[in-house]
């Protein structure tokens, strides 16, 4: 599975309700609520391990994705 195929599959899923709420909140206040940022970015006090795009594609191809 290519990166573009992954992007297309994710676009079909759509955004979760909390993302819409976050966008609405930002439109009203100009800021993001901390709980939404934690969902989006993770815990700022913990490290994050991230692989390359190739490993992401392999994960989706093996059935680990959507």
Protein backbone atom coordinates (compact mmCIF):
# COMPACT_ATOMS: atom_id res chain seq x y z
CA UNK A 1 0.00 0.00 0.00
CA UNK A 2 1.37 3.39 -0.96
CA UNK A 3 1.33 6.55 1.10
CA UNK A 4 -1.31 8.05 -1.22
CA UNK A 5 -3.54 4.99 -0.80
CA UNK A 6 -3.27 5.35 2.97
CA UNK A 7 -4.15 9.03 2.70
CA UNK A 8 -7.21 8.19 0.57
CA UNK A 9 -8.42 5.57 3.08
CA UNK A 10 -8.03 8.00 5.96
CA UNK A 11 -9.93 10.69 4.03
CA UNK A 12 -12.86 8.29 3.56
CA UNK A 13 -13.08 7.63 7.31
CA UNK A 14 -13.77 11.27 8.13
CA UNK A 15 -13.01 13.23 11.26
CA UNK A 16 -14.15 12.17 14.72
CA UNK A 17 -16.64 14.36 16.59
CA UNK A 18 -13.96 15.69 18.95
CA UNK A 19 -12.04 17.11 15.96
CA UNK A 20 -15.13 19.05 14.87
CA UNK A 21 -15.55 20.28 18.45
CA UNK A 22 -11.89 21.33 18.53
CA UNK A 23 -12.26 23.30 15.28
CA UNK A 24 -15.45 24.98 16.51
CA UNK A 25 -13.78 25.87 19.81
CA UNK A 26 -10.79 27.36 17.98
CA UNK A 27 -13.09 29.38 15.70
CA UNK A 28 -14.81 30.86 18.77
CA UNK A 29 -11.81 31.41 21.05
CA UNK A 30 -8.63 31.35 18.95
CA UNK A 31 -7.18 28.60 21.19
CA UNK A 32 -7.43 24.85 21.54
CA UNK A 33 -8.65 23.19 24.75
CA UNK A 34 -5.87 21.21 26.47
CA UNK A 35 -7.82 17.93 26.46
CA UNK A 36 -8.15 18.06 22.67
CA UNK A 37 -4.46 18.84 22.24
CA UNK A 38 -3.60 15.82 24.37
CA UNK A 39 -5.75 13.63 22.12
CA UNK A 40 -4.09 15.08 19.04
CA UNK A 41 -0.48 15.35 20.19
CA UNK A 42 -0.24 12.89 23.06
CA UNK A 43 1.24 13.46 26.50
CA UNK A 44 3.92 16.18 26.22
CA UNK A 45 5.79 14.57 29.12
CA UNK A 46 6.34 11.27 27.28
CA UNK A 47 8.52 10.44 24.33
CA UNK A 48 7.07 9.36 21.00
CA UNK A 49 8.40 6.66 18.73
CA UNK A 50 7.64 7.12 15.06
CA UNK A 51 8.70 5.06 12.10
CA UNK A 52 9.18 6.11 8.51
CA UNK A 53 6.37 6.40 5.99
CA UNK A 54 7.46 3.06 4.63
CA UNK A 55 6.85 1.33 7.95
CA UNK A 56 3.44 3.01 8.23
CA UNK A 57 2.55 1.69 4.78
CA UNK A 58 3.74 -1.79 5.76
CA UNK A 59 1.54 -1.66 8.86
CA UNK A 60 -1.53 -0.85 6.77
CA UNK A 61 -0.66 -3.48 4.16
CA UNK A 62 -0.38 -6.15 6.84
CA UNK A 63 -3.87 -5.40 8.14
CA UNK A 64 -2.73 -3.36 11.12
CA UNK A 65 -4.37 -0.19 9.84
CA UNK A 66 -7.91 0.78 9.00
